[in-house]
Amino acid sequence: MNIKNRIIGIREVPVASLRPNPKNWRTHPQAQRDALKGLLAEVGYAVPALARELPDGSLMLIDGHLRAETVTGTMPVCVLDVTEEEADKLLATIDPLSGLAGQDDAKVAELLAGVQSDSAAVQAMLAELYKLPEPEAPKAEEEPPLTKEAFQILVECKDEQQQAELLERFAEEGITCRSLIS
């Protein structure tokens, strides 16, 4: 397979100069907007927006509309050498293609164990996106069923150490016992 490199370069571009794609079909709920703000505040830019250069030299977004709506100043943009039809194909497939990926629950749990965020919106997004199966609760040790007849004794010990020694001795002898502190 011969794969073409369509990336012209990555530029730092004034956000106000970017043209939104009128065919952009994505909508952005408030939770997503808040999570993006949280990530940008904590990490900063990690992925450039995608745009194509128009004949007049301006840049039309393919991906990154929410980032462009969220920030002011400049942002990194990966400029592609693609036609309008190819840009449309990318616009229609980038997010859905990512959405087709599966999830390895064990690896996600391991990853998320180390992910910390001060942003409540980021925490909520992670909880919603990575719905992991609830870990099985450890089974409680079952108490032997009480019978109508029970033979009990109460032994007073001089201190906690003597009590622990006595409980250990009884356990070694197979005697069921419980400590009582009064």
N, C-alpha and C. Protein backbone atom coordinates (compact mmCIF):
# COMPACT_ATOMS: atom_id res chain seq x y z
N MET A 1 0.85 -1.16 0.00
CA MET A 1 0.00 0.00 0.00
C MET A 1 0.90 1.24 0.00
N ASN A 2 0.63 2.15 -0.89
CA ASN A 2 1.38 3.40 -0.98
C ASN A 2 0.57 4.49 -0.26
N ILE A 3 1.08 4.96 0.86
CA ILE A 3 0.36 5.95 1.66
C ILE A 3 1.01 7.31 1.48
N LYS A 4 0.21 8.28 1.05
CA LYS A 4 0.71 9.63 0.83
C LYS A 4 0.74 10.41 2.13
N ASN A 5 1.74 11.25 2.29
CA ASN A 5 1.79 12.16 3.43
C ASN A 5 1.14 13.46 2.99
N ARG A 6 0.00 13.78 3.55
CA ARG A 6 -0.76 14.97 3.16
C ARG A 6 -0.53 16.14 4.10
N ILE A 7 0.36 15.98 5.06
CA ILE A 7 0.62 17.04 6.03
C ILE A 7 1.62 18.03 5.45
N ILE A 8 1.19 19.28 5.32
CA ILE A 8 2.07 20.34 4.85
C ILE A 8 2.95 20.81 6.01
N GLY A 9 2.35 20.95 7.17
CA GLY A 9 3.09 21.38 8.35
C GLY A 9 2.15 21.70 9.48
N ILE A 10 2.75 22.01 10.61
CA ILE A 10 1.99 22.44 11.77
C ILE A 10 2.32 23.90 12.01
N ARG A 11 1.28 24.70 12.08
CA ARG A 11 1.45 26.15 12.25
C ARG A 11 0.74 26.62 13.51
N GLU A 12 1.28 27.66 14.10
CA GLU A 12 0.60 28.35 15.20
C GLU A 12 -0.23 29.43 14.53
N VAL A 13 -1.56 29.32 14.64
CA VAL A 13 -2.46 30.15 13.85
C VAL A 13 -3.37 30.96 14.77
N PRO A 14 -3.61 32.24 14.45
CA PRO A 14 -4.61 32.99 15.23
C PRO A 14 -5.98 32.33 15.07
N VAL A 15 -6.61 32.06 16.20
CA VAL A 15 -7.91 31.37 16.19
C VAL A 15 -8.93 32.14 15.36
N ALA A 16 -8.89 33.45 15.46
CA ALA A 16 -9.87 34.28 14.75
C ALA A 16 -9.75 34.15 13.23
N SER A 17 -8.60 33.69 12.74
CA SER A 17 -8.43 33.57 11.29
C SER A 17 -8.92 32.24 10.74
N LEU A 18 -9.20 31.28 11.60
CA LEU A 18 -9.65 29.96 11.16
C LEU A 18 -11.11 30.02 10.72
N ARG A 19 -11.38 29.40 9.59
CA ARG A 19 -12.77 29.37 9.10
C ARG A 19 -13.42 28.06 9.51
N PRO A 20 -14.55 28.13 10.21
CA PRO A 20 -15.24 26.88 10.55
C PRO A 20 -15.79 26.23 9.27
N ASN A 21 -15.80 24.93 9.28
CA ASN A 21 -16.33 24.21 8.12
C ASN A 21 -17.86 24.24 8.19
N PRO A 22 -18.54 24.77 7.17
CA PRO A 22 -20.01 24.83 7.22
C PRO A 22 -20.65 23.45 7.21
N LYS A 23 -19.89 22.41 6.85
CA LYS A 23 -20.42 21.04 6.83
C LYS A 23 -20.18 20.31 8.15
N ASN A 24 -19.59 20.99 9.13
CA ASN A 24 -19.30 20.32 10.40
C ASN A 24 -20.61 19.82 11.02
N TRP A 25 -20.67 18.55 11.27
CA TRP A 25 -21.89 17.92 11.76
C TRP A 25 -21.85 17.67 13.27
N ARG A 26 -20.72 17.91 13.88
CA ARG A 26 -20.57 17.62 15.31
C ARG A 26 -21.22 18.71 16.16
N THR A 27 -21.86 18.26 17.23
CA THR A 27 -22.39 19.20 18.22
C THR A 27 -21.60 18.97 19.50
N HIS A 28 -21.58 19.97 20.36
CA HIS A 28 -20.74 19.89 21.55
C HIS A 28 -21.55 20.26 22.78
N PRO A 29 -22.00 19.26 23.54
CA PRO A 29 -22.76 19.54 24.76
C PRO A 29 -21.88 20.25 25.80
N GLN A 30 -22.54 20.88 26.75
CA GLN A 30 -21.82 21.65 27.76
C GLN A 30 -20.81 20.80 28.53
N ALA A 31 -21.14 19.56 28.81
CA ALA A 31 -20.20 18.69 29.55
C ALA A 31 -18.90 18.52 28.77
N GLN A 32 -19.00 18.38 27.44
CA GLN A 32 -17.81 18.25 26.61
C GLN A 32 -17.01 19.56 26.61
N ARG A 33 -17.71 20.66 26.52
CA ARG A 33 -17.04 21.97 26.53
C ARG A 33 -16.28 22.17 27.85
N ASP A 34 -16.94 21.82 28.96
CA ASP A 34 -16.31 21.97 30.27
C ASP A 34 -15.10 21.05 30.42
N ALA A 35 -15.22 19.81 29.93
CA ALA A 35 -14.10 18.86 30.02
C ALA A 35 -12.91 19.35 29.18
N LEU A 36 -13.19 19.88 27.99
CA LEU A 36 -12.10 20.40 27.16
C LEU A 36 -11.40 21.56 27.86
N LYS A 37 -12.18 22.47 28.45
CA LYS A 37 -11.57 23.59 29.19
C LYS A 37 -10.69 23.07 30.31
N GLY A 38 -11.17 22.05 31.02
CA GLY A 38 -10.38 21.46 32.11
C GLY A 38 -9.08 20.86 31.61
N LEU A 39 -9.15 20.12 30.51
CA LEU A 39 -7.94 19.50 29.96
C LEU A 39 -6.96 20.54 29.44
N LEU A 40 -7.47 21.55 28.75
CA LEU A 40 -6.59 22.60 28.25
C LEU A 40 -5.91 23.33 29.40
N ALA A 41 -6.64 23.56 30.48
CA ALA A 41 -6.07 24.24 31.64
C ALA A 41 -5.00 23.38 32.32
N GLU A 42 -5.23 22.07 32.40
CA GLU A 42 -4.30 21.19 33.11
C GLU A 42 -3.13 20.73 32.26
N VAL A 43 -3.37 20.47 30.98
CA VAL A 43 -2.33 19.90 30.13
C VAL A 43 -1.86 20.87 29.06
N GLY A 44 -2.81 21.58 28.46
CA GLY A 44 -2.48 22.46 27.33
C GLY A 44 -2.76 21.73 26.02
N TYR A 45 -2.25 22.29 24.94
CA TYR A 45 -2.45 21.66 23.63
C TYR A 45 -1.59 20.40 23.53
N ALA A 46 -2.18 19.33 23.07
CA ALA A 46 -1.44 18.09 22.85
C ALA A 46 -1.70 17.55 21.45
N VAL A 47 -2.78 17.98 20.82
CA VAL A 47 -3.15 17.54 19.48
C VAL A 47 -3.55 18.78 18.69
N PRO A 48 -2.94 18.98 17.52
CA PRO A 48 -3.34 20.16 16.74
C PRO A 48 -4.70 19.95 16.07
N ALA A 49 -5.35 21.04 15.77
CA ALA A 49 -6.56 20.98 14.95
C ALA A 49 -6.13 20.59 13.53
N LEU A 50 -7.07 20.15 12.72
CA LEU A 50 -6.79 19.83 11.31
C LEU A 50 -7.49 20.87 10.44
N ALA A 51 -6.79 21.32 9.41
CA ALA A 51 -7.38 22.29 8.48
C ALA A 51 -6.80 22.07 7.10
N ARG A 52 -7.51 22.57 6.11
CA ARG A 52 -6.99 22.56 4.74
C ARG A 52 -6.83 24.00 4.29
N GLU A 53 -5.84 24.20 3.45
CA GLU A 53 -5.58 25.54 2.95
C GLU A 53 -6.45 25.79 1.73
N LEU A 54 -7.18 26.90 1.76
CA LEU A 54 -8.04 27.30 0.65
C LEU A 54 -7.23 28.09 -0.37
N PRO A 55 -7.76 28.25 -1.58
CA PRO A 55 -7.02 28.99 -2.62
C PRO A 55 -6.60 30.40 -2.21
N ASP A 56 -7.38 31.04 -1.33
CA ASP A 56 -7.02 32.40 -0.91
C ASP A 56 -5.98 32.41 0.22
N GLY A 57 -5.51 31.22 0.65
CA GLY A 57 -4.50 31.12 1.70
C GLY A 57 -5.08 30.98 3.09
N SER A 58 -6.40 31.14 3.24
CA SER A 58 -7.01 30.97 4.57
C SER A 58 -7.11 29.48 4.88
N LEU A 59 -7.37 29.19 6.15
CA LEU A 59 -7.47 27.80 6.60
C LEU A 59 -8.90 27.49 7.04
N MET A 60 -9.45 26.37 6.50
CA MET A 60 -10.78 25.91 6.90
C MET A 60 -10.61 24.67 7.76
N LEU A 61 -11.24 24.69 8.90
CA LEU A 61 -11.13 23.57 9.84
C LEU A 61 -11.76 22.29 9.28
N ILE A 62 -11.12 21.19 9.61
CA ILE A 62 -11.67 19.86 9.35
C ILE A 62 -12.02 19.24 10.70
N ASP A 63 -11.12 19.40 11.65
CA ASP A 63 -11.31 18.88 13.00
C ASP A 63 -10.71 19.88 13.97
N GLY A 64 -11.41 20.14 15.07
CA GLY A 64 -10.90 21.09 16.06
C GLY A 64 -11.81 22.29 16.25
N HIS A 65 -13.04 22.17 15.77
CA HIS A 65 -13.98 23.29 15.89
C HIS A 65 -14.20 23.71 17.35
N LEU A 66 -14.36 22.75 18.25
CA LEU A 66 -14.62 23.10 19.65
C LEU A 66 -13.41 23.81 20.26
N ARG A 67 -12.21 23.33 19.95
CA ARG A 67 -11.02 24.02 20.46
C ARG A 67 -10.99 25.46 19.97
N ALA A 68 -11.31 25.64 18.69
CA ALA A 68 -11.30 27.00 18.12
C ALA A 68 -12.36 27.89 18.76
N GLU A 69 -13.48 27.29 19.17
CA GLU A 69 -14.54 28.06 19.84
C GLU A 69 -14.19 28.36 21.29
N THR A 70 -13.32 27.56 21.87
CA THR A 70 -13.04 27.62 23.30
C THR A 70 -11.91 28.59 23.65
N VAL A 71 -10.91 28.69 22.78
CA VAL A 71 -9.71 29.45 23.13
C VAL A 71 -9.66 30.78 22.39
N THR A 72 -8.77 31.63 22.86
CA THR A 72 -8.47 32.88 22.18
C THR A 72 -6.98 32.88 21.89
N GLY A 73 -6.52 33.81 21.12
CA GLY A 73 -5.10 33.86 20.79
C GLY A 73 -4.79 32.94 19.63
N THR A 74 -3.77 32.11 19.81
CA THR A 74 -3.36 31.20 18.74
C THR A 74 -3.50 29.76 19.20
N MET A 75 -3.51 28.86 18.23
CA MET A 75 -3.53 27.43 18.54
C MET A 75 -2.80 26.68 17.44
N PRO A 76 -2.26 25.50 17.74
CA PRO A 76 -1.57 24.72 16.72
C PRO A 76 -2.57 24.09 15.75
N VAL A 77 -2.21 24.16 14.47
CA VAL A 77 -3.06 23.59 13.43
C VAL A 77 -2.19 22.77 12.49
N CYS A 78 -2.61 21.54 12.25
CA CYS A 78 -1.94 20.68 11.27
C CYS A 78 -2.61 20.99 9.93
N VAL A 79 -1.82 21.56 9.01
CA VAL A 79 -2.35 21.96 7.70
C VAL A 79 -2.16 20.81 6.73
N LEU A 80 -3.25 20.42 6.09
CA LEU A 80 -3.23 19.29 5.16
C LEU A 80 -3.38 19.77 3.72
N ASP A 81 -2.76 19.03 2.84
CA ASP A 81 -2.90 19.28 1.40
C ASP A 81 -3.96 18.30 0.88
N VAL A 82 -5.24 18.63 1.13
CA VAL A 82 -6.34 17.77 0.69
C VAL A 82 -7.36 18.60 -0.07
N THR A 83 -8.09 17.94 -0.94
CA THR A 83 -9.15 18.61 -1.68
C THR A 83 -10.37 18.77 -0.77
N GLU A 84 -11.36 19.50 -1.25
CA GLU A 84 -12.59 19.65 -0.47
C GLU A 84 -13.26 18.29 -0.25
N GLU A 85 -13.24 17.45 -1.28
CA GLU A 85 -13.86 16.13 -1.16
C GLU A 85 -13.12 15.28 -0.12
N GLU A 86 -11.80 15.34 -0.12
CA GLU A 86 -11.03 14.57 0.86
C GLU A 86 -11.24 15.14 2.26
N ALA A 87 -11.34 16.45 2.37
CA ALA A 87 -11.62 17.08 3.66
C ALA A 87 -12.98 16.63 4.18
N ASP A 88 -13.97 16.55 3.29
CA ASP A 88 -15.29 16.07 3.68
C ASP A 88 -15.22 14.63 4.18
N LYS A 89 -14.42 13.82 3.51
CA LYS A 89 -14.28 12.42 3.92
C LYS A 89 -13.65 12.34 5.32
N LEU A 90 -12.65 13.17 5.56
CA LEU A 90 -12.03 13.20 6.89
C LEU A 90 -13.02 13.71 7.93
N LEU A 91 -13.75 14.76 7.61
CA LEU A 91 -14.74 15.32 8.52
C LEU A 91 -15.79 14.26 8.90
N ALA A 92 -16.17 13.45 7.94
CA ALA A 92 -17.21 12.44 8.17
C ALA A 92 -16.70 11.21 8.92
N THR A 93 -15.37 10.99 8.94
CA THR A 93 -14.87 9.72 9.45
C THR A 93 -13.93 9.77 10.65
N ILE A 94 -13.31 10.90 10.93
CA ILE A 94 -12.28 10.94 11.98
C ILE A 94 -12.85 10.49 13.33
N ASP A 95 -13.88 11.13 13.83
CA ASP A 95 -14.44 10.74 15.13
C ASP A 95 -15.10 9.36 15.09
N PRO A 96 -15.92 9.05 14.08
CA PRO A 96 -16.52 7.72 14.05
C PRO A 96 -15.49 6.59 13.97
N LEU A 97 -14.40 6.81 13.27
CA LEU A 97 -13.36 5.79 13.17
C LEU A 97 -12.76 5.53 14.55
N SER A 98 -12.50 6.57 15.32
CA SER A 98 -11.99 6.40 16.68
C SER A 98 -13.00 5.67 17.55
N GLY A 99 -14.27 5.95 17.33
CA GLY A 99 -15.32 5.33 18.12
C GLY A 99 -15.47 3.84 17.90
N LEU A 100 -14.89 3.30 16.82
CA LEU A 100 -14.97 1.87 16.55
C LEU A 100 -14.01 1.04 17.39
N ALA A 101 -13.07 1.70 18.06
CA ALA A 101 -12.08 0.97 18.86
C ALA A 101 -12.77 0.27 20.02
N GLY A 102 -12.21 -0.87 20.39
CA GLY A 102 -12.71 -1.60 21.54
C GLY A 102 -12.05 -1.09 22.81
N GLN A 103 -12.30 -1.79 23.91
CA GLN A 103 -11.76 -1.37 25.21
C GLN A 103 -11.28 -2.59 25.97
N ASP A 104 -10.05 -2.56 26.43
CA ASP A 104 -9.50 -3.58 27.32
C ASP A 104 -9.71 -3.06 28.74
N ASP A 105 -10.73 -3.58 29.42
CA ASP A 105 -11.11 -3.06 30.74
C ASP A 105 -9.96 -3.06 31.74
N ALA A 106 -9.14 -4.10 31.73
CA ALA A 106 -8.04 -4.18 32.69
C ALA A 106 -7.02 -3.06 32.43
N LYS A 107 -6.70 -2.83 31.15
CA LYS A 107 -5.73 -1.78 30.83
C LYS A 107 -6.30 -0.40 31.10
N VAL A 108 -7.59 -0.21 30.83
CA VAL A 108 -8.22 1.09 31.12
C VAL A 108 -8.20 1.34 32.62
N ALA A 109 -8.54 0.32 33.41
CA ALA A 109 -8.54 0.49 34.86
C ALA A 109 -7.14 0.83 35.36
N GLU A 110 -6.13 0.16 34.81
CA GLU A 110 -4.74 0.45 35.20
C GLU A 110 -4.35 1.88 34.81
N LEU A 111 -4.74 2.29 33.62
CA LEU A 111 -4.45 3.65 33.16
C LEU A 111 -5.13 4.68 34.05
N LEU A 112 -6.44 4.49 34.28
CA LEU A 112 -7.20 5.47 35.05
C LEU A 112 -6.76 5.54 36.50
N ALA A 113 -6.17 4.47 37.02
CA ALA A 113 -5.68 4.50 38.40
C ALA A 113 -4.61 5.57 38.58
N GLY A 114 -3.91 5.91 37.51
CA GLY A 114 -2.87 6.92 37.59
C GLY A 114 -3.27 8.27 37.05
N VAL A 115 -4.50 8.41 36.58
CA VAL A 115 -4.95 9.68 36.00
C VAL A 115 -5.62 10.51 37.09
N GLN A 116 -5.07 11.67 37.34
CA GLN A 116 -5.62 12.59 38.33
C GLN A 116 -6.04 13.87 37.62
N SER A 117 -7.14 14.45 38.04
CA SER A 117 -7.58 15.72 37.46
C SER A 117 -8.24 16.55 38.54
N ASP A 118 -7.91 17.83 38.54
CA ASP A 118 -8.56 18.77 39.46
C ASP A 118 -9.90 19.23 38.90
N SER A 119 -10.15 18.94 37.63
CA SER A 119 -11.37 19.39 36.96
C SER A 119 -12.50 18.38 37.19
N ALA A 120 -13.57 18.84 37.82
CA ALA A 120 -14.73 17.98 38.02
C ALA A 120 -15.31 17.54 36.68
N ALA A 121 -15.24 18.40 35.68
CA ALA A 121 -15.76 18.05 34.35
C ALA A 121 -14.95 16.93 33.72
N VAL A 122 -13.64 16.95 33.89
CA VAL A 122 -12.79 15.88 33.35
C VAL A 122 -13.07 14.59 34.09
N GLN A 123 -13.19 14.65 35.41
CA GLN A 123 -13.50 13.45 36.19
C GLN A 123 -14.84 12.85 35.77
N ALA A 124 -15.83 13.70 35.57
CA ALA A 124 -17.16 13.23 35.15
C ALA A 124 -17.10 12.59 33.77
N MET A 125 -16.33 13.21 32.87
CA MET A 125 -16.19 12.66 31.51
C MET A 125 -15.55 11.27 31.57
N LEU A 126 -14.49 11.11 32.34
CA LEU A 126 -13.82 9.81 32.43
C LEU A 126 -14.75 8.76 33.02
N ALA A 127 -15.49 9.14 34.04
CA ALA A 127 -16.43 8.19 34.65
C ALA A 127 -17.50 7.75 33.66
N GLU A 128 -17.96 8.68 32.85
CA GLU A 128 -19.01 8.38 31.87
C GLU A 128 -18.46 7.55 30.70
N LEU A 129 -17.30 7.91 30.21
CA LEU A 129 -16.74 7.22 29.04
C LEU A 129 -16.26 5.82 29.34
N TYR A 130 -15.59 5.66 30.46
CA TYR A 130 -14.96 4.38 30.77
C TYR A 130 -15.75 3.64 31.82
N LYS A 131 -16.95 3.28 31.46
CA LYS A 131 -17.80 2.54 32.39
C LYS A 131 -17.21 1.14 32.54
N LEU A 132 -16.50 0.96 33.60
CA LEU A 132 -15.87 -0.33 33.85
C LEU A 132 -16.80 -1.19 34.68
N PRO A 133 -16.68 -2.49 34.52
CA PRO A 133 -17.52 -3.35 35.35
C PRO A 133 -17.16 -3.16 36.82
N GLU A 134 -18.17 -3.20 37.66
CA GLU A 134 -17.93 -3.05 39.09
C GLU A 134 -17.12 -4.25 39.57
N PRO A 135 -16.08 -4.01 40.38
CA PRO A 135 -15.34 -5.16 40.91
C PRO A 135 -16.24 -5.97 41.82
N GLU A 136 -16.02 -7.27 41.80
CA GLU A 136 -16.84 -8.13 42.65
C GLU A 136 -16.49 -7.85 44.10
N ALA A 137 -17.52 -7.68 44.90
CA ALA A 137 -17.30 -7.45 46.32
C ALA A 137 -16.77 -8.72 46.95
N PRO A 138 -15.81 -8.60 47.85
CA PRO A 138 -15.32 -9.81 48.50
C PRO A 138 -16.46 -10.45 49.30
N LYS A 139 -16.49 -11.75 49.25
CA LYS A 139 -17.55 -12.45 49.96
C LYS A 139 -17.24 -12.44 51.45
N ALA A 140 -18.21 -12.04 52.21
CA ALA A 140 -18.05 -12.00 53.65
C ALA A 140 -17.99 -13.43 54.18
N GLU A 141 -17.15 -13.60 55.20
CA GLU A 141 -17.11 -14.92 55.80
C GLU A 141 -18.45 -15.19 56.46
N GLU A 142 -18.95 -16.35 56.16
CA GLU A 142 -20.26 -16.68 56.71
C GLU A 142 -20.10 -17.19 58.13
N GLU A 143 -20.93 -16.68 59.00
CA GLU A 143 -20.97 -17.15 60.39
C GLU A 143 -21.66 -18.51 60.39
N PRO A 144 -21.17 -19.39 61.23
CA PRO A 144 -21.91 -20.65 61.31
C PRO A 144 -23.31 -20.38 61.84
N PRO A 145 -24.28 -21.07 61.30
CA PRO A 145 -25.65 -20.82 61.74
C PRO A 145 -25.79 -21.12 63.23
N LEU A 146 -26.54 -20.25 63.90
CA LEU A 146 -26.78 -20.47 65.32
C LEU A 146 -27.87 -21.53 65.47
N THR A 147 -27.66 -22.40 66.40
CA THR A 147 -28.68 -23.41 66.68
C THR A 147 -29.43 -22.97 67.92
N LYS A 148 -30.51 -23.67 68.22
CA LYS A 148 -31.28 -23.32 69.41
C LYS A 148 -30.44 -23.49 70.66
N GLU A 149 -29.65 -24.54 70.67
CA GLU A 149 -28.80 -24.77 71.84
C GLU A 149 -27.43 -24.20 71.56
N ALA A 150 -26.93 -23.42 72.46
CA ALA A 150 -25.59 -22.87 72.35
C ALA A 150 -24.95 -22.95 73.72
N PHE A 151 -23.73 -23.37 73.75
CA PHE A 151 -23.02 -23.49 75.01
C PHE A 151 -21.90 -22.47 74.97
N GLN A 152 -21.98 -21.50 75.83
CA GLN A 152 -21.04 -20.40 75.82
C GLN A 152 -20.40 -20.25 77.19
N ILE A 153 -19.19 -19.72 77.16
CA ILE A 153 -18.54 -19.35 78.41
C ILE A 153 -17.99 -17.94 78.23
N LEU A 154 -17.82 -17.28 79.31
CA LEU A 154 -17.23 -15.95 79.28
C LEU A 154 -15.97 -16.02 80.11
N VAL A 155 -14.85 -15.69 79.49
CA VAL A 155 -13.58 -15.73 80.19
C VAL A 155 -13.07 -14.31 80.32
N GLU A 156 -12.75 -13.90 81.52
CA GLU A 156 -12.18 -12.57 81.73
C GLU A 156 -10.67 -12.68 81.69
N CYS A 157 -10.08 -11.83 80.88
CA CYS A 157 -8.62 -11.82 80.76
C CYS A 157 -8.08 -10.58 81.44
N LYS A 158 -6.82 -10.66 81.89
CA LYS A 158 -6.25 -9.52 82.60
C LYS A 158 -5.91 -8.37 81.67
N ASP A 159 -5.64 -8.67 80.38
CA ASP A 159 -5.31 -7.60 79.42
C ASP A 159 -5.54 -8.10 77.99
N GLU A 160 -5.34 -7.22 77.04
CA GLU A 160 -5.58 -7.55 75.63
C GLU A 160 -4.62 -8.62 75.13
N GLN A 161 -3.40 -8.61 75.60
CA GLN A 161 -2.42 -9.61 75.15
C GLN A 161 -2.86 -11.01 75.58
N GLN A 162 -3.32 -11.15 76.83
CA GLN A 162 -3.77 -12.45 77.29
C GLN A 162 -5.00 -12.89 76.48
N GLN A 163 -5.87 -11.95 76.17
CA GLN A 163 -7.05 -12.28 75.37
C GLN A 163 -6.63 -12.79 74.00
N ALA A 164 -5.67 -12.11 73.35
CA ALA A 164 -5.20 -12.52 72.02
C ALA A 164 -4.58 -13.90 72.06
N GLU A 165 -3.79 -14.16 73.10
CA GLU A 165 -3.15 -15.48 73.23
C GLU A 165 -4.19 -16.58 73.41
N LEU A 166 -5.20 -16.30 74.21
CA LEU A 166 -6.25 -17.29 74.46
C LEU A 166 -7.06 -17.56 73.19
N LEU A 167 -7.40 -16.48 72.44
CA LEU A 167 -8.14 -16.65 71.19
C LEU A 167 -7.34 -17.47 70.19
N GLU A 168 -6.04 -17.21 70.13
CA GLU A 168 -5.17 -17.95 69.21
C GLU A 168 -5.12 -19.42 69.60
N ARG A 169 -4.98 -19.70 70.92
CA ARG A 169 -4.93 -21.09 71.37
C ARG A 169 -6.23 -21.82 71.06
N PHE A 170 -7.36 -21.16 71.31
CA PHE A 170 -8.65 -21.78 71.02
C PHE A 170 -8.79 -22.06 69.53
N ALA A 171 -8.39 -21.11 68.69
CA ALA A 171 -8.47 -21.28 67.23
C ALA A 171 -7.64 -22.47 66.79
N GLU A 172 -6.43 -22.64 67.37
CA GLU A 172 -5.57 -23.78 67.03
C GLU A 172 -6.22 -25.10 67.40
N GLU A 173 -7.04 -25.08 68.46
CA GLU A 173 -7.72 -26.29 68.92
C GLU A 173 -9.04 -26.51 68.21
N GLY A 174 -9.38 -25.59 67.29
CA GLY A 174 -10.62 -25.75 66.52
C GLY A 174 -11.86 -25.27 67.26
N ILE A 175 -11.67 -24.48 68.29
CA ILE A 175 -12.81 -23.97 69.05
C ILE A 175 -13.21 -22.62 68.46
N THR A 176 -14.49 -22.48 68.11
CA THR A 176 -14.98 -21.23 67.58
C THR A 176 -15.14 -20.25 68.73
N CYS A 177 -14.53 -19.09 68.60
CA CYS A 177 -14.61 -18.11 69.66
C CYS A 177 -14.59 -16.70 69.09
N ARG A 178 -15.06 -15.77 69.90
CA ARG A 178 -15.10 -14.37 69.51
C ARG A 178 -14.60 -13.55 70.70
N SER A 179 -14.01 -12.41 70.38
CA SER A 179 -13.58 -11.54 71.48
C SER A 179 -14.71 -10.59 71.84
N LEU A 180 -14.76 -10.25 73.09
CA LEU A 180 -15.75 -9.30 73.59
C LEU A 180 -15.00 -8.31 74.44
N ILE A 181 -15.14 -7.07 74.12
CA ILE A 181 -14.47 -6.03 74.88
C ILE A 181 -15.53 -5.22 75.58
N SER A 182 -15.39 -5.08 76.88
CA SER A 182 -16.38 -4.31 77.63
C SER A 182 -15.71 -3.26 78.48
